[in-house]
Protein backbone atom coordinates (compact mmCIF):
# COMPACT_ATOMS: atom_id res chain seq x y z
CA MET A 1 86.30 -65.81 -31.88
CA LYS A 2 83.54 -67.07 -34.22
CA ALA A 3 81.03 -67.37 -31.03
CA ASN A 4 82.23 -63.88 -30.08
CA LYS A 5 81.21 -62.37 -33.31
CA THR A 6 77.84 -64.09 -33.43
CA PHE A 7 77.08 -62.91 -30.06
CA GLY A 8 78.10 -59.26 -31.28
CA TYR A 9 75.56 -59.72 -34.22
CA VAL A 10 72.76 -60.60 -31.82
CA LEU A 11 73.45 -58.01 -29.26
CA TYR A 12 73.06 -55.16 -31.92
CA GLY A 13 70.10 -56.68 -33.47
CA LEU A 14 68.15 -56.46 -30.22
CA ILE A 15 69.57 -53.11 -30.13
CA PHE A 16 68.20 -51.77 -33.45
CA ALA A 17 64.92 -53.51 -32.82
CA ALA A 18 64.46 -51.52 -29.20
CA GLY A 19 65.41 -48.67 -30.91
CA LEU A 20 62.57 -49.44 -33.66
CA LEU A 21 60.12 -50.02 -30.68
CA LEU A 22 61.08 -46.66 -28.89
CA GLY A 23 60.79 -44.43 -32.12
CA TRP A 24 57.53 -46.14 -32.46
CA LEU A 25 56.60 -45.18 -29.30
CA LEU A 26 57.59 -41.88 -29.23
CA SER A 27 56.03 -41.36 -32.28
CA GLY A 28 52.42 -42.36 -30.61
CA ASP A 29 53.08 -40.02 -27.71
CA SER A 30 53.93 -37.32 -30.01
CA LYS A 31 50.99 -37.41 -32.13
CA LYS A 32 48.62 -37.51 -28.52
CA LEU A 33 50.62 -34.39 -27.66
CA ALA A 34 49.83 -32.76 -30.50
CA GLU A 35 46.14 -33.70 -30.42
CA GLN A 36 45.63 -32.47 -27.01
CA ALA A 37 47.39 -29.48 -27.52
CA GLN A 38 45.27 -28.80 -30.37
CA HIS A 39 42.47 -29.55 -28.45
CA VAL A 40 43.47 -26.99 -26.04
CA HIS A 41 43.84 -24.46 -28.67
CA SER A 42 40.75 -24.90 -29.99
CA ALA A 43 39.40 -24.64 -26.49
CA ASP A 44 40.94 -21.62 -25.47
CA GLU A 45 39.62 -20.07 -28.84
CA ALA A 46 36.00 -20.67 -28.49
CA GLN A 47 36.54 -19.77 -24.73
CA VAL A 48 35.01 -15.98 -24.10
CA TRP A 49 36.97 -13.61 -21.72
CA THR A 50 35.17 -10.79 -20.60
CA CYS A 51 35.80 -7.90 -17.29
CA SER A 52 34.07 -8.42 -14.02
CA MET A 53 33.62 -4.67 -13.88
CA HIS A 54 33.05 -3.94 -17.90
CA PRO A 55 31.10 -6.65 -19.07
CA GLN A 56 30.50 -5.17 -22.39
CA ILE A 57 34.11 -6.32 -23.14
CA ARG A 58 34.63 -9.45 -24.87
CA GLN A 59 37.68 -11.21 -26.02
CA ASP A 60 38.53 -14.96 -27.55
CA LYS A 61 41.44 -15.12 -25.41
CA PRO A 62 42.79 -14.21 -21.74
CA GLY A 63 44.48 -10.62 -21.11
CA LYS A 64 43.94 -7.23 -19.65
CA CYS A 65 40.47 -5.04 -20.11
CA PRO A 66 41.38 -2.18 -22.02
CA LEU A 67 39.47 0.12 -19.82
CA CYS A 68 40.50 -0.92 -16.14
CA ALA A 69 43.94 -3.28 -17.12
CA MET A 70 41.83 -5.82 -14.72
CA ASP A 71 42.20 -9.34 -15.57
CA LEU A 72 39.75 -10.63 -17.72
CA ILE A 73 37.88 -13.93 -16.62
CA PRO A 74 36.23 -16.77 -18.68
CA LEU A 75 32.73 -16.29 -19.38
CA ARG A 76 31.26 -19.15 -21.08
CA THR A 77 32.23 -21.55 -23.74
CA SER A 78 30.69 -21.00 -27.26
CA GLY A 79 30.10 -24.90 -27.49
CA ALA A 80 28.92 -25.76 -23.92
CA SER A 81 26.10 -27.85 -23.40
CA GLY A 82 22.54 -27.00 -22.14
CA ALA A 83 22.90 -23.34 -23.79
CA THR A 84 19.54 -21.46 -24.02
CA SER A 85 17.84 -21.31 -27.09
CA ASP A 86 16.85 -17.65 -25.74
CA PRO A 87 20.09 -15.29 -26.36
CA ASP A 88 18.60 -12.89 -23.25
CA ALA A 89 17.80 -15.60 -21.17
CA ILE A 90 20.05 -16.21 -17.93
CA ARG A 91 20.97 -20.01 -17.12
CA LEU A 92 22.13 -20.95 -13.98
CA SER A 93 22.83 -24.51 -12.59
CA ALA A 94 21.21 -25.84 -9.63
CA GLU A 95 23.81 -25.42 -7.52
CA ALA A 96 24.78 -22.00 -8.60
CA ALA A 97 20.83 -21.04 -7.63
CA ALA A 98 20.99 -22.76 -4.14
CA LEU A 99 24.11 -20.91 -3.41
CA ALA A 100 22.30 -17.55 -4.00
CA GLY A 101 19.33 -18.32 -2.62
CA ILE A 102 16.89 -17.89 -5.16
CA GLN A 103 13.31 -18.84 -4.29
CA THR A 104 10.72 -18.44 -6.73
CA SER A 105 6.59 -18.03 -6.12
CA VAL A 106 3.80 -18.08 -8.93
CA VAL A 107 2.23 -15.33 -9.94
CA GLY A 108 -1.45 -15.34 -8.36
CA ARG A 109 -4.48 -12.87 -7.96
CA SER A 110 -5.86 -11.69 -4.58
CA ARG A 111 -7.86 -8.88 -3.28
CA PRO A 112 -5.39 -6.04 -2.46
CA VAL A 113 -5.45 -4.70 0.89
CA ARG A 114 -2.90 -1.56 1.99
CA GLU A 115 -1.98 -1.39 5.48
CA ILE A 116 -1.66 2.13 6.65
CA ARG A 117 -0.12 3.50 9.76
CA LEU A 118 -1.35 6.56 11.59
CA TYR A 119 0.22 8.25 14.23
CA GLY A 120 -1.53 11.04 16.44
CA THR A 121 -2.77 12.18 20.07
CA ILE A 122 -6.19 12.05 22.12
CA LYS A 123 -8.23 15.08 21.81
CA PRO A 124 -11.60 16.10 23.80
CA ASP A 125 -14.93 15.69 21.71
CA GLU A 126 -15.35 19.42 20.62
CA ARG A 127 -19.31 18.73 21.07
CA ARG A 128 -18.80 17.92 24.59
CA LEU A 129 -16.82 21.04 25.66
CA HIS A 130 -19.06 23.63 27.62
CA SER A 131 -18.67 26.90 29.36
CA LEU A 132 -20.24 27.98 32.59
CA VAL A 133 -21.25 31.46 32.46
CA SER A 134 -22.63 33.60 35.25
CA HIS A 135 -26.79 34.91 33.67
CA VAL A 136 -26.76 37.75 35.86
CA SER A 137 -24.17 40.38 36.77
CA GLY A 138 -22.67 40.77 40.04
CA ARG A 139 -20.11 39.96 42.53
CA ILE A 140 -18.21 36.51 43.49
CA GLU A 141 -18.73 35.67 46.78
CA THR A 142 -17.43 32.21 47.34
CA LEU A 143 -16.25 29.36 44.85
CA ALA A 144 -17.06 26.00 45.01
CA VAL A 145 -14.69 24.94 42.21
CA HIS A 146 -11.09 25.95 42.86
CA TYR A 147 -8.88 24.47 40.05
CA ALA A 148 -8.49 23.14 36.92
CA GLY A 149 -8.76 19.18 36.57
CA GLU A 150 -11.58 19.19 39.14
CA THR A 151 -14.64 17.10 38.15
CA VAL A 152 -17.97 19.14 38.29
CA ARG A 153 -21.31 17.34 38.41
CA GLU A 154 -24.33 18.78 36.82
CA GLY A 155 -26.55 20.95 39.03
CA GLN A 156 -23.66 21.26 41.46
CA VAL A 157 -23.06 24.69 43.27
CA ILE A 158 -20.09 25.99 41.26
CA ALA A 159 -19.93 29.53 42.93
CA THR A 160 -22.45 32.04 45.27
CA ILE A 161 -23.03 35.56 43.66
CA TYR A 162 -24.26 38.89 45.01
CA SER A 163 -26.40 40.54 42.18
CA PRO A 164 -28.19 43.55 42.72
CA ASP A 165 -30.63 42.68 39.61
CA LEU A 166 -31.42 39.38 41.15
CA LEU A 167 -32.58 41.15 44.55
CA ASN A 168 -34.82 43.29 42.77
CA ALA A 169 -35.88 40.54 40.66
CA GLN A 170 -36.58 38.59 44.12
CA GLN A 171 -38.37 41.46 45.86
CA GLU A 172 -40.62 41.64 42.73
CA LEU A 173 -41.46 38.05 43.24
CA LEU A 174 -42.50 38.61 46.94
CA GLU A 175 -45.04 41.68 45.84
CA ALA A 176 -46.48 39.56 43.15
CA LEU A 177 -47.36 37.13 45.61
CA LYS A 178 -48.82 39.44 47.95
CA LEU A 179 -50.80 40.94 44.89
CA ALA A 180 -51.86 37.67 43.24
CA ALA A 181 -55.42 38.01 44.48
CA SER A 182 -56.01 40.90 42.61
CA GLN A 183 -53.49 40.98 39.71
CA PRO A 184 -53.10 37.01 39.19
CA ALA A 185 -50.81 37.88 35.86
CA LEU A 186 -48.01 39.33 38.05
CA LEU A 187 -46.86 36.35 39.79
CA PRO A 188 -46.27 34.23 36.53
CA ALA A 189 -44.31 36.85 35.02
CA ALA A 190 -42.19 37.32 37.93
CA ARG A 191 -41.12 33.42 38.23
CA GLU A 192 -40.72 33.37 34.75
CA LYS A 193 -37.84 36.27 34.77
CA LEU A 194 -36.07 34.36 37.80
CA ARG A 195 -36.05 31.33 35.78
CA LEU A 196 -34.62 33.61 32.35
CA TRP A 197 -31.73 34.02 35.05
CA LYS A 198 -31.31 30.73 35.84
CA LEU A 199 -33.03 30.13 39.07
CA THR A 200 -34.25 26.72 39.56
CA ASP A 201 -37.91 26.05 40.65
CA ALA A 202 -36.41 24.98 44.07
CA GLN A 203 -35.09 28.19 44.85
CA ILE A 204 -37.64 29.77 43.29
CA ALA A 205 -39.93 28.08 45.60
CA GLU A 206 -37.67 28.65 48.54
CA ILE A 207 -38.00 32.42 48.35
CA GLU A 208 -41.81 31.89 48.08
CA ARG A 209 -41.76 29.62 51.04
CA THR A 210 -39.39 32.31 53.54
CA GLY A 211 -40.66 35.46 52.33
CA GLN A 212 -37.51 36.98 51.98
CA ALA A 213 -35.37 38.40 49.06
CA SER A 214 -31.55 36.74 49.69
CA SER A 215 -28.72 38.93 48.76
CA THR A 216 -26.57 36.22 47.35
CA VAL A 217 -27.44 33.48 44.96
CA ASP A 218 -26.12 30.07 44.03
CA LEU A 219 -24.84 29.71 40.75
CA LEU A 220 -25.40 25.80 39.26
CA ALA A 221 -23.45 23.95 36.72
CA GLY A 222 -25.44 23.72 33.40
CA ALA A 223 -23.52 20.30 32.32
CA GLY A 224 -20.90 18.19 33.82
CA GLY A 225 -17.29 17.47 33.03
CA VAL A 226 -13.69 18.19 34.07
CA VAL A 227 -12.52 21.79 34.50
CA THR A 228 -10.37 22.63 31.62
CA VAL A 229 -9.51 26.42 32.63
CA ARG A 230 -10.99 28.50 35.60
CA ARG A 231 -11.58 31.65 34.55
CA VAL A 232 -12.19 33.83 37.81
CA GLU A 233 -11.38 34.35 41.25
CA GLN A 234 -13.46 35.06 44.50
CA GLY A 235 -14.09 38.64 44.80
CA ASP A 236 -14.35 39.17 41.15
CA TYR A 237 -16.93 41.07 39.18
CA VAL A 238 -18.80 39.77 36.06
CA THR A 239 -20.75 40.80 33.78
CA GLN A 240 -24.00 38.85 32.27
CA GLY A 241 -22.61 35.99 29.89
CA GLY A 242 -19.24 36.03 31.40
CA ALA A 243 -17.41 32.75 31.44
CA LEU A 244 -16.57 31.29 34.79
CA PHE A 245 -14.97 28.07 33.80
CA ASP A 246 -14.61 25.62 30.71
CA LEU A 247 -15.69 22.21 31.10
CA ALA A 248 -15.04 19.20 28.53
CA ASP A 249 -16.93 15.79 28.98
CA LEU A 250 -14.16 13.19 28.81
CA SER A 251 -16.74 10.39 28.85
CA SER A 252 -16.33 10.36 24.79
CA VAL A 253 -13.11 11.27 23.25
CA TRP A 254 -11.62 11.46 19.78
CA ALA A 255 -8.22 10.17 18.37
CA VAL A 256 -7.05 12.37 15.77
CA PHE A 257 -4.46 11.13 13.39
CA ASP A 258 -2.18 12.55 10.74
CA ALA A 259 -2.62 10.90 7.64
CA TYR A 260 -0.03 11.42 5.03
CA GLU A 261 -0.75 12.73 1.59
CA ALA A 262 0.28 9.67 -0.15
CA ASP A 263 -2.32 7.78 2.28
CA ALA A 264 -5.10 9.95 2.52
CA PRO A 265 -6.70 8.64 -0.95
CA TYR A 266 -7.13 5.25 0.33
CA LEU A 267 -8.82 6.27 3.70
CA LYS A 268 -12.60 6.42 3.88
CA THR A 269 -15.15 7.63 6.23
CA GLY A 270 -16.38 4.25 8.21
CA ASP A 271 -13.27 2.32 8.08
CA ARG A 272 -12.05 0.38 11.19
CA VAL A 273 -9.22 1.47 12.93
CA GLU A 274 -7.31 -0.49 15.66
CA TYR A 275 -5.04 1.83 17.81
CA THR A 276 -2.78 1.56 20.91
CA LEU A 277 -1.07 3.98 23.47
CA GLN A 278 2.23 3.94 25.06
CA THR A 279 1.00 4.61 28.64
CA LEU A 280 -1.30 1.55 28.35
CA PRO A 281 0.26 -1.49 26.74
CA GLY A 282 -1.26 -4.51 25.90
CA LYS A 283 -4.75 -2.84 25.39
CA THR A 284 -6.09 -2.19 21.94
CA PHE A 285 -8.87 0.27 21.29
CA THR A 286 -10.70 -0.17 18.28
CA GLY A 287 -13.16 2.45 16.40
CA ARG A 288 -13.99 3.57 12.94
CA ILE A 289 -13.00 6.96 10.98
CA SER A 290 -16.12 9.39 11.46
CA PHE A 291 -14.63 12.47 9.52
CA ILE A 292 -11.20 13.13 7.22
CA ASP A 293 -10.50 17.08 7.34
CA PRO A 294 -11.17 17.84 3.78
CA THR A 295 -7.99 20.52 3.61
CA LEU A 296 -4.31 19.38 3.84
CA ASP A 297 -1.77 20.78 6.21
CA PRO A 298 0.80 22.54 4.04
CA ALA A 299 3.24 22.60 6.66
CA THR A 300 3.35 19.05 7.52
CA ARG A 301 1.30 17.70 4.64
CA THR A 302 -1.04 15.63 6.28
CA VAL A 303 -4.39 15.54 6.63
CA LYS A 304 -6.52 14.83 9.89
CA VAL A 305 -8.53 11.83 10.61
CA ARG A 306 -10.69 11.36 13.04
CA VAL A 307 -11.95 8.18 15.33
CA GLU A 308 -14.52 8.82 18.13
CA THR A 309 -14.15 6.17 20.99
CA PRO A 310 -16.03 5.74 24.16
CA ASN A 311 -14.10 6.35 27.57
CA PRO A 312 -16.57 5.71 30.27
CA ARG A 313 -13.51 4.96 32.73
CA LEU A 314 -11.72 8.13 31.55
CA GLU A 315 -8.65 5.74 30.55
CA LEU A 316 -8.01 7.82 27.42
CA LYS A 317 -6.75 11.45 28.62
CA PRO A 318 -5.94 14.38 26.22
CA GLU A 319 -2.77 14.81 24.68
CA MET A 320 -1.86 10.96 24.90
CA TYR A 321 0.09 9.65 21.91
CA ALA A 322 -1.60 6.88 20.11
CA GLY A 323 -0.72 5.03 17.21
CA ALA A 324 -3.27 3.35 14.66
CA LEU A 325 -3.23 0.77 11.98
CA VAL A 326 -5.97 0.74 9.03
CA ARG A 327 -6.56 -2.15 6.62
CA THR A 328 -8.38 -1.08 3.64
CA SER A 329 -9.30 -2.74 0.65
CA LEU A 330 -8.17 -0.88 -2.65
CA ARG A 331 -10.41 -2.88 -4.93
CA GLN A 332 -13.62 -4.45 -5.26
CA ALA A 333 -12.10 -7.05 -7.52
CA ASP A 334 -9.08 -9.56 -7.33
CA GLU A 335 -5.58 -8.27 -8.60
CA THR A 336 -2.50 -9.37 -9.79
CA VAL A 337 0.20 -8.85 -6.70
CA VAL A 338 3.39 -9.91 -6.45
CA PRO A 339 6.03 -9.54 -3.26
CA LYS A 340 8.33 -6.30 -3.17
CA THR A 341 11.38 -8.43 -2.97
CA ALA A 342 10.26 -9.72 -6.45
CA VAL A 343 10.69 -6.14 -8.03
CA LEU A 344 14.07 -4.63 -8.94
CA TRP A 345 13.23 -0.22 -9.11
CA THR A 346 15.59 1.80 -10.90
CA GLY A 347 13.29 5.07 -10.77
CA ARG A 348 12.32 4.77 -14.36
CA ARG A 349 11.77 1.22 -15.21
CA SER A 350 10.62 -1.88 -12.54
CA VAL A 351 11.53 -5.45 -13.82
CA VAL A 352 11.13 -8.84 -12.45
CA TYR A 353 12.39 -12.02 -13.75
CA VAL A 354 10.27 -14.39 -15.19
CA LYS A 355 11.44 -18.34 -14.69
CA GLN A 356 11.25 -20.09 -18.19
CA PRO A 357 9.05 -23.03 -18.34
CA ASP A 358 10.23 -26.50 -19.40
CA THR A 359 13.74 -26.34 -18.79
CA ASP A 360 15.93 -28.64 -16.91
CA GLU A 361 18.11 -26.25 -15.23
CA PRO A 362 16.99 -22.65 -13.34
CA VAL A 363 16.59 -20.29 -16.51
CA PHE A 364 15.35 -16.89 -16.27
CA LYS A 365 14.56 -13.60 -18.18
CA MET A 366 14.45 -10.08 -17.45
CA ARG A 367 10.74 -8.47 -18.03
CA GLU A 368 9.42 -5.27 -17.35
CA VAL A 369 6.31 -4.28 -15.38
CA GLU A 370 4.25 -1.79 -14.57
CA LEU A 371 3.69 -1.11 -11.05
CA GLY A 372 0.47 0.09 -9.09
CA ALA A 373 -0.75 0.83 -5.77
CA SER A 374 2.30 -0.18 -3.21
CA LEU A 375 0.74 -2.34 -0.62
CA SER A 376 2.50 -3.23 3.22
CA GLU A 377 4.53 -5.99 1.90
CA GLU A 378 3.45 -6.56 -2.10
CA TYR A 379 2.63 -4.43 -5.40
CA ILE A 380 -0.42 -4.55 -7.63
CA ILE A 381 0.99 -5.30 -11.11
CA LEU A 382 -0.89 -3.51 -13.60
CA ALA A 383 0.76 -4.65 -16.85
CA GLY A 384 3.52 -7.20 -17.76
CA LEU A 385 2.88 -10.40 -15.82
CA ARG A 386 -0.05 -13.08 -16.18
CA GLU A 387 -1.69 -15.30 -13.46
CA GLY A 388 0.48 -18.44 -13.15
CA GLU A 389 3.93 -17.32 -14.37
CA GLU A 390 6.59 -18.10 -12.28
CA ILE A 391 8.86 -15.36 -10.66
CA VAL A 392 12.02 -14.72 -8.49
CA THR A 393 10.98 -13.49 -5.33
CA HIS A 394 14.47 -13.61 -3.41
CA GLY A 395 17.80 -13.15 -5.14
CA ALA A 396 16.35 -11.43 -7.90
CA PHE A 397 19.68 -9.11 -7.57
CA ALA A 398 21.94 -12.32 -7.91
CA VAL A 399 20.19 -13.28 -11.25
CA ASP A 400 20.74 -9.54 -12.46
CA ALA A 401 24.06 -9.51 -11.66
CA SER A 402 24.89 -12.60 -13.86
CA ALA A 403 23.15 -10.90 -16.62
CA GLN A 404 24.94 -7.66 -16.04
CA LEU A 405 28.19 -9.97 -16.36
CA GLU A 406 26.97 -11.43 -19.33
CA GLY A 407 26.04 -8.31 -20.77
CA LYS A 408 22.41 -9.35 -21.25
CA PRO A 409 19.33 -7.45 -20.62
CA SER A 410 19.18 -6.40 -17.19
CA MET A 411 18.21 -3.68 -14.19
CA MET A 412 20.97 -1.59 -15.29
CA ASN A 413 21.72 -1.41 -19.15
CA GLY A 414 18.24 -0.15 -20.02
CA ALA A 415 17.26 -2.92 -22.99
CA ALA A 416 14.07 -3.19 -23.73
CA ALA A 417 11.92 -5.51 -22.00
CA SER A 418 10.19 -8.74 -23.04
CA GLN A 419 6.67 -9.01 -23.70
CA PRO A 420 4.75 -11.68 -21.66
CA SER A 421 4.62 -14.78 -23.30
CA GLY A 422 1.44 -15.70 -25.38
CA GLY A 423 -0.60 -13.85 -27.62
CA ASP A 424 0.32 -11.19 -30.43
CA HIS A 425 2.41 -7.95 -29.29
CA ALA A 426 1.80 -5.08 -31.37
CA THR A 427 2.88 -1.53 -31.32
CA LEU A 428 0.66 1.80 -32.00
CA LYS A 429 1.53 5.35 -32.09
CA VAL A 430 -0.78 7.44 -29.61
CA GLY A 431 -0.54 11.26 -28.87
CA GLY A 432 -0.39 12.19 -25.61
CA ARG A 433 1.46 14.06 -23.11
CA CYS A 434 1.39 13.59 -19.38
CA GLU A 435 0.49 10.96 -16.93
CA MET A 436 -3.06 11.29 -16.78
CA CYS A 437 -2.85 10.85 -20.50
CA LYS A 438 -0.89 7.45 -19.89
CA GLU A 439 -3.49 6.57 -17.57
CA ARG A 440 -6.52 7.15 -19.57
CA ILE A 441 -4.89 5.74 -22.94
CA VAL A 442 -3.75 2.34 -21.23
CA THR A 443 -7.31 2.43 -19.09
CA ALA A 444 -9.07 2.57 -22.60
CA ALA A 445 -6.91 -0.28 -24.19
CA ARG A 446 -7.25 -2.93 -21.29
CA LYS A 447 -10.83 -2.27 -21.47
CA VAL A 448 -11.29 -3.87 -24.80
CA HIS A 449 -11.88 -7.42 -24.99
CA GLY A 450 -9.06 -9.44 -25.55
CA VAL A 451 -6.42 -7.05 -24.59
CA LYS A 452 -3.65 -8.75 -22.12
CA SER A 453 -1.38 -6.05 -21.58
CA ALA A 454 -1.00 -2.26 -22.56
CA SER A 455 1.48 0.17 -21.82
CA TRP A 456 2.51 3.67 -23.29
CA ASP A 457 5.54 5.14 -23.29
CA SER A 458 5.08 9.28 -22.98
CA GLU A 459 8.39 9.88 -24.75
CA THR A 460 8.43 7.87 -27.61
CA GLY A 461 4.21 7.78 -27.69
CA GLN A 462 4.24 3.63 -28.29
CA LEU A 463 1.77 1.94 -27.18
CA HIS A 464 2.69 -1.75 -26.61
CA LEU A 465 -0.20 -4.43 -26.82
CA GLN A 466 -0.20 -7.98 -25.87
CA PHE A 467 -3.45 -9.35 -27.47
CA ASP A 468 -5.42 -12.20 -28.41
CA ALA A 469 -5.71 -12.14 -32.02
CA GLN A 470 -8.82 -14.27 -32.04
CA SER A 471 -10.60 -11.96 -29.74
CA THR A 472 -9.77 -8.29 -31.08
CA SER A 473 -7.35 -6.63 -33.43
CA VAL A 474 -5.17 -3.50 -33.28
CA ASP A 475 -7.93 -1.73 -35.24
CA ALA A 476 -10.30 -2.05 -32.30
CA VAL A 477 -7.71 -1.02 -29.71
CA ALA A 478 -7.14 2.21 -31.74
CA ARG A 479 -10.81 2.77 -32.31
CA ALA A 480 -11.03 2.68 -28.34
CA VAL A 481 -8.18 5.03 -27.25
CA ALA A 482 -9.45 7.32 -29.88
CA ALA A 483 -13.22 7.16 -28.04
CA ALA A 484 -11.02 8.26 -25.39
CA GLY A 485 -9.54 11.57 -26.51
CA HIS A 486 -6.46 10.61 -28.24
CA ASP A 487 -5.32 10.19 -31.98
CA THR A 488 -3.80 7.10 -33.38
CA ASP A 489 -2.01 6.02 -36.57
CA SER A 490 -5.26 4.89 -38.07
CA GLY A 491 -7.39 7.98 -36.80
CA LYS A 492 -7.84 10.87 -34.98
CA ALA A 493 -10.21 11.50 -31.70
CA ASP A 494 -13.44 13.49 -32.13
CA ARG A 495 -12.97 17.08 -31.65
CA ALA A 496 -15.47 17.62 -29.01
CA VAL A 497 -13.85 14.52 -26.78
CA TYR A 498 -10.69 16.40 -27.70
CA ASP A 499 -11.54 19.41 -26.48
CA ALA A 500 -12.64 18.23 -23.17
CA LEU A 501 -9.32 16.94 -22.19
CA PRO A 502 -7.67 19.12 -19.06
CA ASP A 503 -5.31 21.56 -20.43
CA CYS A 504 -2.25 19.20 -19.36
CA CYS A 505 -3.47 17.05 -21.99
CA LYS A 506 -3.83 18.98 -25.08
CA TYR A 507 -1.16 17.62 -27.44
CA ARG A 508 -2.03 18.62 -30.93
CA GLU A 509 -0.15 21.58 -32.27
């Protein structure tokens, strides 16, 4: 009995110890679970939730978008590692940049060349068009040329004509021959009369040799070429000066192209032109612009551009279709140019994304630029970028989409563009009204040594400057702009200079 009691006490002691151990373990797990719950709770509090359709929505917890009732998505944690120091910059991971196909390139300078495509047709050289006429009145007895398209050689017989005037002139020549001894002046006069009616010396000599006047005379072609129009029939009566045939000498032709209104200012006489024809595939013809029509066709809004081309084998036929390519240099000096794929254009604003230097991961920031002329695959940049900066050339839309989702300055939100890095930035109030004013103001500002970029907003009248403070100052720029005829904060333009501005630029009340 006593042994049973001792065994019972030992058993109770073991159970009590096991209970204490189990309680301690449960207490530790509860503490860990509480810590985990607190951590999750704090993470949820630090999480930012937004709407994929309305990125301006920001909430600190998941839920529904108050505008479209879509589920909110996590944006980023406020304590995420590697957050950018610039709040407007877009940070992407290397994997995300690769999946989006983002490519960058360094901004450089080169001689801008614009490729202009022209379309037109082959035309006869208007200086080589001729009309074969009858120099005497009479009746066409026979025709030696029968249809349009026939080739005529210079000096060839084209028709035989009966002319009473010519018959009388021949008789006068024969009488002058008989009186040559007594009246020698009559013979040269009679010969000259026949020459004026376009009889050749050989024809006149034949009349003198035979001593007989012919009732019909051959009419000879005064020029060679291809007959384009036949104007008479056999048996027709013609008057002196009446046209018989129209000829075109096609040994040299014109290629006449239509240049669009936007391309016309970049074309000049002497530019080299390469063109091809559908009917002669694989063959390229070259020439130079010999004439640009000074007037614009109001119906097609095009300008005629002429290229002279030798055509010794008559391959080029009038009305053939031709397509040309002209490469023309827009400037004599190098300009800043970027690929067109790098520019996001909204109509009023043009933006690019600049890669921030000295970052471990791809970090981009939007920048507004001012575009110049459009080249074939590039834009000239007038302001907003500097040589050596790295910009997104492929995948700019993907970067912009990330910026919109995070509510940062992007192509669509109209946020003010950041200025190029380096140098000082300042704004200057400048008077003006139109695009001509803008060009005049910006040009005057950029001519000041030390000014890196200048952009004038016609709506606000603000001139944004990026300049080297060691080389120039805002006052120096203000003086240059005022000298061009535009009032600034610090002074007015000279009255005579202002009065010389076009009427559309007069901004003073």
